[in-house]
């Protein structure tokens, strides 16, 4: 349940209350209606991803759209190419598996 903060309008005392998101967000004690205090959420997004780690990429891209995933994947591939003298080991691993599946035929981008 989310935690909501309310403030007594007279004493300025603040109290946190657990309420369902579906409840009316009101709080009253002894006929005194408390004012709701709005705060900025404390969220953090880790934007540094280890380009060589497949699991890191998977873990940090769960909530992205397909377009964002394609763009991010291309960026990560470019970083790996810079780090490995023009070769992306993750891409090469895919090409090798793909070639093996297809009886030795190479992928159109594997040239």
PDB file of N, CA and C in Angstrom:
ATOM      1  N   UNK A   1       0.831  -1.189   0.000  1.00  0.00           N
ATOM      2  CA  UNK A   1       0.000   0.000   0.000  1.00  0.00           C
ATOM      3  C   UNK A   1       0.870   1.244   0.000  1.00  0.00           C
ATOM      4  N   UNK A   2       0.488   2.230  -0.787  1.00  0.00           N
ATOM      5  CA  UNK A   2       1.257   3.472  -0.810  1.00  0.00           C
ATOM      6  C   UNK A   2       1.125   4.271   0.489  1.00  0.00           C
ATOM      7  N   UNK A   3       2.159   5.013   0.775  1.00  0.00           N
ATOM      8  CA  UNK A   3       2.183   5.856   1.967  1.00  0.00           C
ATOM      9  C   UNK A   3       1.888   7.298   1.544  1.00  0.00           C
ATOM     10  N   UNK A   4       0.965   7.935   2.236  1.00  0.00           N
ATOM     11  CA  UNK A   4       0.593   9.319   1.951  1.00  0.00           C
ATOM     12  C   UNK A   4       0.890  10.162   3.183  1.00  0.00           C
ATOM     13  N   UNK A   5       1.291  11.411   2.950  1.00  0.00           N
ATOM     14  CA  UNK A   5       1.634  12.312   4.059  1.00  0.00           C
ATOM     15  C   UNK A   5       0.553  13.380   4.164  1.00  0.00           C
ATOM     16  N   UNK A   6       0.106  13.592   5.391  1.00  0.00           N
ATOM     17  CA  UNK A   6      -0.903  14.616   5.670  1.00  0.00           C
ATOM     18  C   UNK A   6      -0.353  15.552   6.734  1.00  0.00           C
ATOM     19  N   UNK A   7      -0.808  16.815   6.675  1.00  0.00           N
ATOM     20  CA  UNK A   7      -0.326  17.831   7.605  1.00  0.00           C
ATOM     21  C   UNK A   7      -1.508  18.508   8.287  1.00  0.00           C
ATOM     22  N   UNK A   8      -1.402  18.638   9.614  1.00  0.00           N
ATOM     23  CA  UNK A   8      -2.419  19.343  10.374  1.00  0.00           C
ATOM     24  C   UNK A   8      -2.310  20.827  10.015  1.00  0.00           C
ATOM     25  N   UNK A   9      -3.400  21.456   9.549  1.00  0.00           N
ATOM     26  CA  UNK A   9      -3.321  22.849   9.119  1.00  0.00           C
ATOM     27  C   UNK A   9      -3.027  23.826  10.262  1.00  0.00           C
ATOM     28  N   UNK A  10      -3.329  23.435  11.484  1.00  0.00           N
ATOM     29  CA  UNK A  10      -3.114  24.336  12.619  1.00  0.00           C
ATOM     30  C   UNK A  10      -1.720  24.159  13.228  1.00  0.00           C
ATOM     31  N   UNK A  11      -1.341  22.931  13.515  1.00  0.00           N
ATOM     32  CA  UNK A  11      -0.081  22.674  14.211  1.00  0.00           C
ATOM     33  C   UNK A  11       1.089  22.370  13.261  1.00  0.00           C
ATOM     34  N   UNK A  12       0.788  22.155  12.002  1.00  0.00           N
ATOM     35  CA  UNK A  12       1.775  21.788  10.967  1.00  0.00           C
ATOM     36  C   UNK A  12       2.441  20.438  11.223  1.00  0.00           C
ATOM     37  N   UNK A  13       1.854  19.651  12.134  1.00  0.00           N
ATOM     38  CA  UNK A  13       2.357  18.310  12.398  1.00  0.00           C
ATOM     39  C   UNK A  13       2.048  17.430  11.186  1.00  0.00           C
ATOM     40  N   UNK A  14       3.030  16.649  10.773  1.00  0.00           N
ATOM     41  CA  UNK A  14       2.824  15.759   9.630  1.00  0.00           C
ATOM     42  C   UNK A  14       2.704  14.326  10.106  1.00  0.00           C
ATOM     43  N   UNK A  15       1.869  13.569   9.400  1.00  0.00           N
ATOM     44  CA  UNK A  15       1.652  12.169   9.726  1.00  0.00           C
ATOM     45  C   UNK A  15       1.613  11.387   8.423  1.00  0.00           C
ATOM     46  N   UNK A  16       2.186  10.190   8.415  1.00  0.00           N
ATOM     47  CA  UNK A  16       2.118   9.362   7.216  1.00  0.00           C
ATOM     48  C   UNK A  16       1.070   8.278   7.429  1.00  0.00           C
ATOM     49  N   UNK A  17       0.290   8.060   6.387  1.00  0.00           N
ATOM     50  CA  UNK A  17      -0.839   7.137   6.450  1.00  0.00           C
ATOM     51  C   UNK A  17      -0.741   6.181   5.271  1.00  0.00           C
ATOM     52  N   UNK A  18      -0.920   4.900   5.531  1.00  0.00           N
ATOM     53  CA  UNK A  18      -0.970   3.911   4.451  1.00  0.00           C
ATOM     54  C   UNK A  18      -2.408   3.820   3.954  1.00  0.00           C
ATOM     55  N   UNK A  19      -2.592   4.067   2.666  1.00  0.00           N
ATOM     56  CA  UNK A  19      -3.922   4.006   2.071  1.00  0.00           C
ATOM     57  C   UNK A  19      -3.834   3.298   0.731  1.00  0.00           C
ATOM     58  N   UNK A  20      -4.919   2.681   0.370  1.00  0.00           N
ATOM     59  CA  UNK A  20      -5.007   2.073  -0.946  1.00  0.00           C
ATOM     60  C   UNK A  20      -5.064   3.182  -1.991  1.00  0.00           C
ATOM     61  N   UNK A  21      -4.573   2.905  -3.169  1.00  0.00           N
ATOM     62  CA  UNK A  21      -4.620   3.894  -4.242  1.00  0.00           C
ATOM     63  C   UNK A  21      -6.059   4.185  -4.654  1.00  0.00           C
ATOM     64  N   UNK A  22      -6.968   3.287  -4.317  1.00  0.00           N
ATOM     65  CA  UNK A  22      -8.373   3.446  -4.706  1.00  0.00           C
ATOM     66  C   UNK A  22      -9.204   4.191  -3.665  1.00  0.00           C
ATOM     67  N   UNK A  23      -8.647   4.393  -2.480  1.00  0.00           N
ATOM     68  CA  UNK A  23      -9.368   5.117  -1.426  1.00  0.00           C
ATOM     69  C   UNK A  23      -9.345   6.615  -1.704  1.00  0.00           C
ATOM     70  N   UNK A  24     -10.315   7.319  -1.094  1.00  0.00           N
ATOM     71  CA  UNK A  24     -10.280   8.787  -1.136  1.00  0.00           C
ATOM     72  C   UNK A  24      -9.100   9.224  -0.271  1.00  0.00           C
ATOM     73  N   UNK A  25      -8.279  10.096  -0.785  1.00  0.00           N
ATOM     74  CA  UNK A  25      -7.081  10.510  -0.051  1.00  0.00           C
ATOM     75  C   UNK A  25      -7.420  11.703   0.840  1.00  0.00           C
ATOM     76  N   UNK A  26      -8.054  11.350   1.955  1.00  0.00           N
ATOM     77  CA  UNK A  26      -8.455  12.333   2.958  1.00  0.00           C
ATOM     78  C   UNK A  26      -8.099  11.755   4.316  1.00  0.00           C
ATOM     79  N   UNK A  27      -7.770  12.645   5.249  1.00  0.00           N
ATOM     80  CA  UNK A  27      -7.449  12.203   6.589  1.00  0.00           C
ATOM     81  C   UNK A  27      -7.997  13.230   7.562  1.00  0.00           C
ATOM     82  N   UNK A  28      -8.680  12.735   8.593  1.00  0.00           N
ATOM     83  CA  UNK A  28      -9.334  13.631   9.551  1.00  0.00           C
ATOM     84  C   UNK A  28      -9.175  13.066  10.955  1.00  0.00           C
ATOM     85  N   UNK A  29      -8.863  13.957  11.923  1.00  0.00           N
ATOM     86  CA  UNK A  29      -8.753  13.569  13.331  1.00  0.00           C
ATOM     87  C   UNK A  29      -9.496  14.617  14.151  1.00  0.00           C
ATOM     88  N   UNK A  30     -10.431  14.159  14.980  1.00  0.00           N
ATOM     89  CA  UNK A  30     -11.212  15.041  15.860  1.00  0.00           C
ATOM     90  C   UNK A  30     -11.824  16.214  15.097  1.00  0.00           C
ATOM     91  N   UNK A  31     -12.351  15.964  13.928  1.00  0.00           N
ATOM     92  CA  UNK A  31     -13.013  17.004  13.145  1.00  0.00           C
ATOM     93  C   UNK A  31     -12.083  17.923  12.382  1.00  0.00           C
ATOM     94  N   UNK A  32     -10.790  17.709  12.507  1.00  0.00           N
ATOM     95  CA  UNK A  32      -9.826  18.538  11.783  1.00  0.00           C
ATOM     96  C   UNK A  32      -9.383  17.772  10.532  1.00  0.00           C
ATOM     97  N   UNK A  33      -9.670  18.346   9.379  1.00  0.00           N
ATOM     98  CA  UNK A  33      -9.266  17.724   8.113  1.00  0.00           C
ATOM     99  C   UNK A  33      -7.817  18.094   7.823  1.00  0.00           C
ATOM    100  N   UNK A  34      -6.972  17.088   7.710  1.00  0.00           N
ATOM    101  CA  UNK A  34      -5.556  17.311   7.428  1.00  0.00           C
ATOM    102  C   UNK A  34      -5.375  17.596   5.930  1.00  0.00           C
ATOM    103  N   UNK A  35      -4.367  18.397   5.605  1.00  0.00           N
ATOM    104  CA  UNK A  35      -4.037  18.698   4.210  1.00  0.00           C
ATOM    105  C   UNK A  35      -3.054  17.651   3.711  1.00  0.00           C
ATOM    106  N   UNK A  36      -3.250  17.228   2.499  1.00  0.00           N
ATOM    107  CA  UNK A  36      -2.321  16.261   1.926  1.00  0.00           C
ATOM    108  C   UNK A  36      -1.052  16.980   1.476  1.00  0.00           C
ATOM    109  N   UNK A  37       0.101  16.365   1.758  1.00  0.00           N
ATOM    110  CA  UNK A  37       1.392  16.917   1.360  1.00  0.00           C
ATOM    111  C   UNK A  37       1.870  16.129   0.141  1.00  0.00           C
ATOM    112  N   UNK A  38       2.139  16.844  -0.943  1.00  0.00           N
ATOM    113  CA  UNK A  38       2.615  16.202  -2.164  1.00  0.00           C
ATOM    114  C   UNK A  38       4.143  16.283  -2.207  1.00  0.00           C
ATOM    115  N   UNK A  39       4.760  15.175  -2.510  1.00  0.00           N
ATOM    116  CA  UNK A  39       6.218  15.123  -2.563  1.00  0.00           C
ATOM    117  C   UNK A  39       6.667  14.635  -3.934  1.00  0.00           C
ATOM    118  N   UNK A  40       7.916  14.880  -4.230  1.00  0.00           N
ATOM    119  CA  UNK A  40       8.511  14.405  -5.477  1.00  0.00           C
ATOM    120  C   UNK A  40       8.968  12.968  -5.238  1.00  0.00           C
ATOM    121  N   UNK A  41       8.608  12.053  -6.131  1.00  0.00           N
ATOM    122  CA  UNK A  41       9.047  10.669  -5.949  1.00  0.00           C
ATOM    123  C   UNK A  41      10.573  10.567  -6.017  1.00  0.00           C
ATOM    124  N   UNK A  42      11.126   9.713  -5.221  1.00  0.00           N
ATOM    125  CA  UNK A  42      12.569   9.491  -5.208  1.00  0.00           C
ATOM    126  C   UNK A  42      12.860   8.280  -6.075  1.00  0.00           C
ATOM    127  N   UNK A  43      12.958   8.518  -7.371  1.00  0.00           N
ATOM    128  CA  UNK A  43      13.228   7.441  -8.306  1.00  0.00           C
ATOM    129  C   UNK A  43      14.573   7.675  -8.966  1.00  0.00           C
ATOM    130  N   UNK A  44      15.219   6.593  -9.303  1.00  0.00           N
ATOM    131  CA  UNK A  44      16.518   6.682  -9.936  1.00  0.00           C
ATOM    132  C   UNK A  44      16.582   5.647 -11.041  1.00  0.00           C
ATOM    133  N   UNK A  45      17.128   6.053 -12.165  1.00  0.00           N
ATOM    134  CA  UNK A  45      17.279   5.123 -13.280  1.00  0.00           C
ATOM    135  C   UNK A  45      18.763   4.977 -13.542  1.00  0.00           C
ATOM    136  N   UNK A  46      19.213   3.755 -13.544  1.00  0.00           N
ATOM    137  CA  UNK A  46      20.621   3.493 -13.803  1.00  0.00           C
ATOM    138  C   UNK A  46      20.841   3.536 -15.307  1.00  0.00           C
ATOM    139  N   UNK A  47      21.541   4.555 -15.777  1.00  0.00           N
ATOM    140  CA  UNK A  47      21.733   4.712 -17.209  1.00  0.00           C
ATOM    141  C   UNK A  47      23.066   4.159 -17.682  1.00  0.00           C
ATOM    142  N   UNK A  48      23.874   3.659 -16.779  1.00  0.00           N
ATOM    143  CA  UNK A  48      25.156   3.085 -17.182  1.00  0.00           C
ATOM    144  C   UNK A  48      25.009   1.577 -17.263  1.00  0.00           C
ATOM    145  N   UNK A  49      25.183   1.066 -18.463  1.00  0.00           N
ATOM    146  CA  UNK A  49      25.038  -0.365 -18.694  1.00  0.00           C
ATOM    147  C   UNK A  49      26.371  -0.891 -19.207  1.00  0.00           C
ATOM    148  N   UNK A  50      26.778  -2.026 -18.692  1.00  0.00           N
ATOM    149  CA  UNK A  50      27.997  -2.667 -19.152  1.00  0.00           C
ATOM    150  C   UNK A  50      27.737  -3.226 -20.550  1.00  0.00           C
ATOM    151  N   UNK A  51      28.390  -2.647 -21.549  1.00  0.00           N
ATOM    152  CA  UNK A  51      28.143  -3.010 -22.944  1.00  0.00           C
ATOM    153  C   UNK A  51      28.460  -4.471 -23.237  1.00  0.00           C
ATOM    154  N   UNK A  52      29.346  -5.082 -22.484  1.00  0.00           N
ATOM    155  CA  UNK A  52      29.729  -6.460 -22.756  1.00  0.00           C
ATOM    156  C   UNK A  52      28.879  -7.492 -22.054  1.00  0.00           C
ATOM    157  N   UNK A  53      27.979  -7.073 -21.219  1.00  0.00           N
ATOM    158  CA  UNK A  53      27.189  -8.012 -20.420  1.00  0.00           C
ATOM    159  C   UNK A  53      25.768  -8.120 -20.950  1.00  0.00           C
ATOM    160  N   UNK A  54      25.421  -9.311 -21.435  1.00  0.00           N
ATOM    161  CA  UNK A  54      24.062  -9.526 -21.934  1.00  0.00           C
ATOM    162  C   UNK A  54      23.039  -9.433 -20.802  1.00  0.00           C
ATOM    163  N   UNK A  55      23.383  -9.989 -19.633  1.00  0.00           N
ATOM    164  CA  UNK A  55      22.427  -9.984 -18.525  1.00  0.00           C
ATOM    165  C   UNK A  55      22.178  -8.563 -18.028  1.00  0.00           C
ATOM    166  N   UNK A  56      23.210  -7.706 -18.046  1.00  0.00           N
ATOM    167  CA  UNK A  56      23.048  -6.316 -17.631  1.00  0.00           C
ATOM    168  C   UNK A  56      22.089  -5.603 -18.575  1.00  0.00           C
ATOM    169  N   UNK A  57      22.245  -5.849 -19.881  1.00  0.00           N
ATOM    170  CA  UNK A  57      21.357  -5.243 -20.877  1.00  0.00           C
ATOM    171  C   UNK A  57      19.905  -5.689 -20.637  1.00  0.00           C
ATOM    172  N   UNK A  58      19.708  -6.973 -20.446  1.00  0.00           N
ATOM    173  CA  UNK A  58      18.364  -7.512 -20.241  1.00  0.00           C
ATOM    174  C   UNK A  58      17.733  -6.923 -18.989  1.00  0.00           C
ATOM    175  N   UNK A  59      18.490  -6.871 -17.914  1.00  0.00           N
ATOM    176  CA  UNK A  59      17.968  -6.390 -16.630  1.00  0.00           C
ATOM    177  C   UNK A  59      17.565  -4.920 -16.689  1.00  0.00           C
ATOM    178  N   UNK A  60      18.326  -4.099 -17.397  1.00  0.00           N
ATOM    179  CA  UNK A  60      18.092  -2.661 -17.376  1.00  0.00           C
ATOM    180  C   UNK A  60      17.213  -2.158 -18.506  1.00  0.00           C
ATOM    181  N   UNK A  61      16.704  -3.056 -19.332  1.00  0.00           N
ATOM    182  CA  UNK A  61      15.854  -2.619 -20.437  1.00  0.00           C
ATOM    183  C   UNK A  61      14.467  -3.237 -20.371  1.00  0.00           C
ATOM    184  N   UNK A  62      14.077  -3.737 -19.235  1.00  0.00           N
ATOM    185  CA  UNK A  62      12.781  -4.410 -19.103  1.00  0.00           C
ATOM    186  C   UNK A  62      11.602  -3.505 -19.411  1.00  0.00           C
ATOM    187  N   UNK A  63      11.656  -2.239 -19.041  1.00  0.00           N
ATOM    188  CA  UNK A  63      10.488  -1.367 -19.149  1.00  0.00           C
ATOM    189  C   UNK A  63      10.537  -0.458 -20.376  1.00  0.00           C
ATOM    190  N   UNK A  64      11.281  -0.814 -21.404  1.00  0.00           N
ATOM    191  CA  UNK A  64      11.404   0.049 -22.579  1.00  0.00           C
ATOM    192  C   UNK A  64      10.478  -0.419 -23.696  1.00  0.00           C
ATOM    193  N   UNK A  65      10.186   0.482 -24.629  1.00  0.00           N
ATOM    194  CA  UNK A  65       9.393   0.128 -25.800  1.00  0.00           C
ATOM    195  C   UNK A  65      10.300  -0.579 -26.804  1.00  0.00           C
ATOM    196  N   UNK A  66       9.702  -1.221 -27.806  1.00  0.00           N
ATOM    197  CA  UNK A  66      10.506  -1.930 -28.800  1.00  0.00           C
ATOM    198  C   UNK A  66      11.439  -0.989 -29.556  1.00  0.00           C
ATOM    199  N   UNK A  67      10.955   0.176 -29.922  1.00  0.00           N
ATOM    200  CA  UNK A  67      11.794   1.138 -30.628  1.00  0.00           C
ATOM    201  C   UNK A  67      12.984   1.564 -29.794  1.00  0.00           C
ATOM    202  N   UNK A  68      12.743   1.819 -28.512  1.00  0.00           N
ATOM    203  CA  UNK A  68      13.833   2.203 -27.612  1.00  0.00           C
ATOM    204  C   UNK A  68      14.827   1.049 -27.460  1.00  0.00           C
ATOM    205  N   UNK A  69      14.308  -0.187 -27.421  1.00  0.00           N
ATOM    206  CA  UNK A  69      15.191  -1.347 -27.306  1.00  0.00           C
ATOM    207  C   UNK A  69      16.094  -1.479 -28.527  1.00  0.00           C
ATOM    208  N   UNK A  70      15.533  -1.309 -29.725  1.00  0.00           N
ATOM    209  CA  UNK A  70      16.335  -1.400 -30.945  1.00  0.00           C
ATOM    210  C   UNK A  70      17.418  -0.319 -30.947  1.00  0.00           C
ATOM    211  N   UNK A  71      17.039   0.904 -30.597  1.00  0.00           N
ATOM    212  CA  UNK A  71      18.002   2.005 -30.561  1.00  0.00           C
ATOM    213  C   UNK A  71      19.105   1.734 -29.536  1.00  0.00           C
ATOM    214  N   UNK A  72      18.697   1.277 -28.359  1.00  0.00           N
ATOM    215  CA  UNK A  72      19.650   1.013 -27.287  1.00  0.00           C
ATOM    216  C   UNK A  72      20.578  -0.142 -27.664  1.00  0.00           C
ATOM    217  N   UNK A  73      20.015  -1.148 -28.308  1.00  0.00           N
ATOM    218  CA  UNK A  73      20.811  -2.284 -28.752  1.00  0.00           C
ATOM    219  C   UNK A  73      21.877  -1.847 -29.755  1.00  0.00           C
ATOM    220  N   UNK A  74      21.508  -0.965 -30.672  1.00  0.00           N
ATOM    221  CA  UNK A  74      22.462  -0.459 -31.661  1.00  0.00           C
ATOM    222  C   UNK A  74      23.567   0.347 -30.975  1.00  0.00           C
ATOM    223  N   UNK A  75      23.204   1.146 -29.976  1.00  0.00           N
ATOM    224  CA  UNK A  75      24.203   1.918 -29.229  1.00  0.00           C
ATOM    225  C   UNK A  75      25.178   0.991 -28.506  1.00  0.00           C
ATOM    226  N   UNK A  76      24.649  -0.053 -27.884  1.00  0.00           N
ATOM    227  CA  UNK A  76      25.492  -0.990 -27.147  1.00  0.00           C
ATOM    228  C   UNK A  76      26.435  -1.723 -28.100  1.00  0.00           C
ATOM    229  N   UNK A  77      25.940  -2.093 -29.279  1.00  0.00           N
ATOM    230  CA  UNK A  77      26.767  -2.774 -30.263  1.00  0.00           C
ATOM    231  C   UNK A  77      27.912  -1.865 -30.702  1.00  0.00           C
ATOM    232  N   UNK A  78      27.613  -0.599 -30.934  1.00  0.00           N
ATOM    233  CA  UNK A  78      28.651   0.357 -31.333  1.00  0.00           C
ATOM    234  C   UNK A  78      29.704   0.501 -30.229  1.00  0.00           C
ATOM    235  N   UNK A  79      29.277   0.523 -28.968  1.00  0.00           N
ATOM    236  CA  UNK A  79      30.232   0.615 -27.847  1.00  0.00           C
ATOM    237  C   UNK A  79      31.131  -0.613 -27.802  1.00  0.00           C
ATOM    238  N   UNK A  80      30.526  -1.804 -28.001  1.00  0.00           N
ATOM    239  CA  UNK A  80      31.332  -3.026 -27.978  1.00  0.00           C
ATOM    240  C   UNK A  80      32.334  -3.039 -29.127  1.00  0.00           C
ATOM    241  N   UNK A  81      31.921  -2.532 -30.298  1.00  0.00           N
ATOM    242  CA  UNK A  81      32.841  -2.460 -31.436  1.00  0.00           C
ATOM    243  C   UNK A  81      34.022  -1.535 -31.123  1.00  0.00           C
ATOM    244  N   UNK A  82      33.756  -0.416 -30.461  1.00  0.00           N
ATOM    245  CA  UNK A  82      34.836   0.506 -30.089  1.00  0.00           C
ATOM    246  C   UNK A  82      35.801  -0.151 -29.102  1.00  0.00           C
ATOM    247  N   UNK A  83      35.246  -0.915 -28.176  1.00  0.00           N
ATOM    248  CA  UNK A  83      36.069  -1.538 -27.136  1.00  0.00           C
ATOM    249  C   UNK A  83      36.869  -2.726 -27.667  1.00  0.00           C
ATOM    250  N   UNK A  84      36.436  -3.323 -28.769  1.00  0.00           N
ATOM    251  CA  UNK A  84      37.054  -4.563 -29.257  1.00  0.00           C
ATOM    252  C   UNK A  84      37.584  -4.442 -30.684  1.00  0.00           C
ATOM    253  N   UNK A  85      38.241  -3.358 -31.005  1.00  0.00           N
ATOM    254  CA  UNK A  85      38.875  -3.141 -32.306  1.00  0.00           C
ATOM    255  C   UNK A  85      37.939  -3.425 -33.487  1.00  0.00           C
ATOM    256  N   UNK A  86      36.739  -2.884 -33.431  1.00  0.00           N
ATOM    257  CA  UNK A  86      35.823  -2.993 -34.566  1.00  0.00           C
ATOM    258  C   UNK A  86      34.995  -4.257 -34.624  1.00  0.00           C
ATOM    259  N   UNK A  87      35.101  -5.125 -33.635  1.00  0.00           N
ATOM    260  CA  UNK A  87      34.312  -6.365 -33.612  1.00  0.00           C
ATOM    261  C   UNK A  87      33.406  -6.364 -32.388  1.00  0.00           C
ATOM    262  N   UNK A  88      32.136  -6.698 -32.602  1.00  0.00           N
ATOM    263  CA  UNK A  88      31.171  -6.827 -31.507  1.00  0.00           C
ATOM    264  C   UNK A  88      31.041  -8.315 -31.185  1.00  0.00           C
ATOM    265  N   UNK A  89      31.583  -8.777 -30.057  1.00  0.00           N
ATOM    266  CA  UNK A  89      31.537 -10.208 -29.748  1.00  0.00           C
ATOM    267  C   UNK A  89      30.118 -10.753 -29.579  1.00  0.00           C
ATOM    268  N   UNK A  90      29.212  -9.955 -29.093  1.00  0.00           N
ATOM    269  CA  UNK A  90      27.829 -10.419 -28.915  1.00  0.00           C
ATOM    270  C   UNK A  90      27.186 -10.621 -30.288  1.00  0.00           C
ATOM    271  N   UNK A  91      27.401  -9.665 -31.187  1.00  0.00           N
ATOM    272  CA  UNK A  91      26.855  -9.777 -32.538  1.00  0.00           C
ATOM    273  C   UNK A  91      27.485 -10.968 -33.261  1.00  0.00           C
ATOM    274  N   UNK A  92      28.797 -11.144 -33.096  1.00  0.00           N
ATOM    275  CA  UNK A  92      29.486 -12.247 -33.758  1.00  0.00           C
ATOM    276  C   UNK A  92      28.990 -13.590 -33.240  1.00  0.00           C
ATOM    277  N   UNK A  93      28.717 -13.676 -31.953  1.00  0.00           N
ATOM    278  CA  UNK A  93      28.178 -14.909 -31.370  1.00  0.00           C
ATOM    279  C   UNK A  93      26.824 -15.231 -32.005  1.00  0.00           C
ATOM    280  N   UNK A  94      25.989 -14.198 -32.196  1.00  0.00           N
ATOM    281  CA  UNK A  94      24.698 -14.394 -32.853  1.00  0.00           C
ATOM    282  C   UNK A  94      24.900 -14.888 -34.283  1.00  0.00           C
ATOM    283  N   UNK A  95      25.809 -14.236 -35.016  1.00  0.00           N
ATOM    284  CA  UNK A  95      26.056 -14.626 -36.410  1.00  0.00           C
ATOM    285  C   UNK A  95      26.538 -16.076 -36.493  1.00  0.00           C
ATOM    286  N   UNK A  96      27.410 -16.478 -35.587  1.00  0.00           N
ATOM    287  CA  UNK A  96      27.927 -17.845 -35.591  1.00  0.00           C
ATOM    288  C   UNK A  96      26.824 -18.860 -35.317  1.00  0.00           C
ATOM    289  N   UNK A  97      25.983 -18.591 -34.327  1.00  0.00           N
ATOM    290  CA  UNK A  97      24.869 -19.495 -34.017  1.00  0.00           C
ATOM    291  C   UNK A  97      23.888 -19.557 -35.185  1.00  0.00           C
ATOM    292  N   UNK A  98      23.634 -18.398 -35.804  1.00  0.00           N
ATOM    293  CA  UNK A  98      22.710 -18.324 -36.918  1.00  0.00           C
ATOM    294  C   UNK A  98      23.245 -19.129 -38.102  1.00  0.00           C
ATOM    295  N   UNK A  99      24.529 -19.011 -38.362  1.00  0.00           N
ATOM    296  CA  UNK A  99      25.157 -19.729 -39.466  1.00  0.00           C
ATOM    297  C   UNK A  99      25.101 -21.238 -39.235  1.00  0.00           C
ATOM    298  N   UNK A 100      25.354 -21.653 -38.012  1.00  0.00           N
ATOM    299  CA  UNK A 100      25.324 -23.073 -37.681  1.00  0.00           C
ATOM    300  C   UNK A 100      23.915 -23.643 -37.884  1.00  0.00           C
ATOM    301  N   UNK A 101      22.909 -22.869 -37.471  1.00  0.00           N
ATOM    302  CA  UNK A 101      21.508 -23.281 -37.637  1.00  0.00           C
ATOM    303  C   UNK A 101      21.136 -23.434 -39.107  1.00  0.00           C
ATOM    304  N   UNK A 102      21.727 -22.594 -39.947  1.00  0.00           N
ATOM    305  CA  UNK A 102      21.362 -22.545 -41.363  1.00  0.00           C
ATOM    306  C   UNK A 102      22.311 -23.347 -42.248  1.00  0.00           C
ATOM    307  N   UNK A 103      23.035 -24.264 -41.640  1.00  0.00           N
ATOM    308  CA  UNK A 103      23.898 -25.137 -42.424  1.00  0.00           C
ATOM    309  C   UNK A 103      25.098 -24.419 -43.039  1.00  0.00           C
ATOM    310  N   UNK A 104      25.631 -23.428 -42.357  1.00  0.00           N
ATOM    311  CA  UNK A 104      26.819 -22.750 -42.825  1.00  0.00           C
ATOM    312  C   UNK A 104      26.555 -21.482 -43.601  1.00  0.00           C
ATOM    313  N   UNK A 105      25.308 -21.208 -43.942  1.00  0.00           N
ATOM    314  CA  UNK A 105      25.002 -19.964 -44.669  1.00  0.00           C
ATOM    315  C   UNK A 105      25.193 -18.788 -43.716  1.00  0.00           C
ATOM    316  N   UNK A 106      25.791 -17.703 -44.227  1.00  0.00           N
ATOM    317  CA  UNK A 106      26.067 -16.541 -43.400  1.00  0.00           C
ATOM    318  C   UNK A 106      24.888 -15.568 -43.420  1.00  0.00           C
ATOM    319  N   UNK A 107      24.753 -14.819 -42.358  1.00  0.00           N
ATOM    320  CA  UNK A 107      23.746 -13.766 -42.240  1.00  0.00           C
ATOM    321  C   UNK A 107      24.100 -12.642 -43.204  1.00  0.00           C
ATOM    322  N   UNK A 108      23.119 -11.944 -43.736  1.00  0.00           N
ATOM    323  CA  UNK A 108      23.359 -10.891 -44.713  1.00  0.00           C
ATOM    324  C   UNK A 108      24.256  -9.778 -44.156  1.00  0.00           C
ATOM    325  N   UNK A 109      24.192  -9.522 -42.857  1.00  0.00           N
ATOM    326  CA  UNK A 109      24.999  -8.475 -42.245  1.00  0.00           C
ATOM    327  C   UNK A 109      26.369  -8.982 -41.770  1.00  0.00           C
ATOM    328  N   UNK A 110      26.604 -10.288 -41.890  1.00  0.00           N
ATOM    329  CA  UNK A 110      27.863 -10.887 -41.428  1.00  0.00           C
ATOM    330  C   UNK A 110      28.827 -10.989 -42.600  1.00  0.00           C
ATOM    331  N   UNK A 111      29.412  -9.880 -42.970  1.00  0.00           N
ATOM    332  CA  UNK A 111      30.342  -9.869 -44.119  1.00  0.00           C
ATOM    333  C   UNK A 111      31.579  -9.116 -43.768  1.00  0.00           C
TER     334      UNK A 111
END
